Amino acid sequence: MTISHADAGTVINLFDQKGQTANRTTILVKTPRVELIRLVLPAGKRIPPHAVSGEVVVQCLSGKVDFEAREKRQTLEPGDLLHLQRGDSHALEAVEDTTMLVTILRAV
């Protein structure tokens, strides 16, 4: 199955018809320089330490997630934003059902 991503200039709504964040992880935009992901994690889900080949900006849209990066453990709640440099190792665990917007910026 082919995944279709939004074209430039297309409006993307991160919420469902009831104003709640959508309930599945989706790659919203993917270009050689930018990847935009709606990441949905159920409570208790852990993503082990990993790093990506670009700068990362994570914004918590709903729920609560413990985020480990740069030798710190921080809790992100709705409205919180975190920036990581390229190659920063990080791990996370959803304290509650959580939705985040993850932006990866890659050098070409």
Protein backbone atom coordinates (compact mmCIF):
# COMPACT_ATOMS: atom_id res chain seq x y z
CA MET A 1 0.00 0.00 0.00
CA THR A 2 1.32 3.42 -0.92
CA ILE A 3 1.22 6.13 1.72
CA SER A 4 0.18 9.49 0.33
CA HIS A 5 1.58 12.61 1.94
CA ALA A 6 0.17 16.11 1.73
CA ASP A 7 1.37 18.25 -1.14
CA ALA A 8 2.74 21.74 -0.55
CA GLY A 9 -0.08 24.20 -0.01
CA THR A 10 -2.48 21.54 1.31
CA VAL A 11 -4.19 22.17 4.65
CA ILE A 12 -3.65 19.36 7.16
CA ASN A 13 -6.04 19.09 10.11
CA LEU A 14 -4.47 17.34 13.11
CA PHE A 15 -7.82 16.84 14.84
CA ASP A 16 -10.86 14.68 14.18
CA GLN A 17 -14.39 16.05 13.76
CA LYS A 18 -14.87 16.24 17.55
CA GLY A 19 -11.81 18.44 17.99
CA GLN A 20 -9.75 15.59 19.45
CA THR A 21 -6.32 14.61 18.12
CA ALA A 22 -6.55 11.78 15.60
CA ASN A 23 -5.85 8.27 16.91
CA ARG A 24 -3.10 6.88 14.69
CA THR A 25 0.49 7.69 13.82
CA THR A 26 0.76 9.19 10.35
CA ILE A 27 3.53 10.71 8.25
CA LEU A 28 1.89 13.95 7.17
CA VAL A 29 4.64 15.48 5.02
CA LYS A 30 7.81 13.93 3.65
CA THR A 31 10.32 15.72 1.46
CA PRO A 32 14.11 15.39 1.20
CA ARG A 33 14.47 18.16 3.84
CA VAL A 34 11.38 17.92 6.07
CA GLU A 35 9.40 15.10 7.63
CA LEU A 36 6.30 15.90 9.67
CA ILE A 37 4.78 13.09 11.75
CA ARG A 38 1.70 12.89 13.96
CA LEU A 39 2.93 10.40 16.58
CA VAL A 40 0.23 8.68 18.64
CA LEU A 41 1.27 6.65 21.71
CA PRO A 42 -1.04 4.77 24.08
CA ALA A 43 -0.32 5.11 27.80
CA GLY A 44 2.64 2.94 28.80
CA LYS A 45 4.12 2.71 25.28
CA ARG A 46 7.90 3.19 25.35
CA ILE A 47 10.13 4.05 22.42
CA PRO A 48 13.70 2.99 23.24
CA PRO A 49 16.75 5.25 22.77
CA HIS A 50 17.36 6.22 19.16
CA ALA A 51 18.64 9.16 17.09
CA VAL A 52 17.72 10.62 13.73
CA SER A 53 19.78 12.24 11.00
CA GLY A 54 18.31 15.69 11.39
CA GLU A 55 17.24 18.30 13.89
CA VAL A 56 14.00 17.37 15.64
CA VAL A 57 11.21 19.50 17.06
CA VAL A 58 8.61 17.69 19.18
CA GLN A 59 5.36 19.34 20.25
CA CYS A 60 2.95 17.65 22.65
CA LEU A 61 -0.62 18.10 21.38
CA SER A 62 -2.46 15.98 23.95
CA GLY A 63 -1.69 13.65 26.84
CA LYS A 64 1.56 13.46 28.75
CA VAL A 65 4.91 11.89 27.80
CA ASP A 66 8.21 11.43 29.64
CA PHE A 67 11.03 12.39 27.28
CA GLU A 68 14.68 11.48 27.88
CA ALA A 69 17.33 13.45 26.01
CA ARG A 70 20.64 15.16 26.71
CA GLU A 71 20.97 13.41 30.08
CA LYS A 72 17.61 14.81 31.28
CA ARG A 73 14.17 13.31 31.78
CA GLN A 74 11.38 15.83 31.23
CA THR A 75 7.62 15.55 31.07
CA LEU A 76 5.92 17.13 28.06
CA GLU A 77 2.28 18.19 28.33
CA PRO A 78 -0.03 19.85 25.78
CA GLY A 79 1.60 22.98 24.41
CA ASP A 80 5.15 21.96 25.38
CA LEU A 81 7.80 21.97 22.66
CA LEU A 82 11.27 20.39 22.65
CA HIS A 83 14.13 20.85 20.16
CA LEU A 84 16.91 18.28 19.65
CA GLN A 85 20.06 18.63 17.61
CA ARG A 86 20.94 16.20 14.85
CA GLY A 87 22.06 12.87 16.29
CA ASP A 88 20.83 13.52 19.84
CA SER A 89 19.85 10.19 21.37
CA HIS A 90 16.39 10.24 22.91
CA ALA A 91 13.74 7.91 24.32
CA LEU A 92 10.16 8.44 25.42
CA GLU A 93 7.33 6.84 27.34
CA ALA A 94 3.68 7.86 27.25
CA VAL A 95 2.36 8.53 30.75
CA GLU A 96 -1.13 9.01 29.27
CA ASP A 97 -2.52 8.43 25.79
CA THR A 98 -0.45 11.01 23.91
CA THR A 99 -0.35 12.70 20.53
CA MET A 100 2.71 14.65 19.40
CA LEU A 101 3.69 16.54 16.29
CA VAL A 102 7.27 15.61 15.33
CA THR A 103 9.18 17.69 12.77
CA ILE A 104 12.50 16.38 11.42
CA LEU A 105 14.69 18.85 9.49
CA ARG A 106 17.37 17.21 7.36
CA ALA A 107 20.33 18.75 5.58
CA VAL A 108 20.49 17.82 1.92
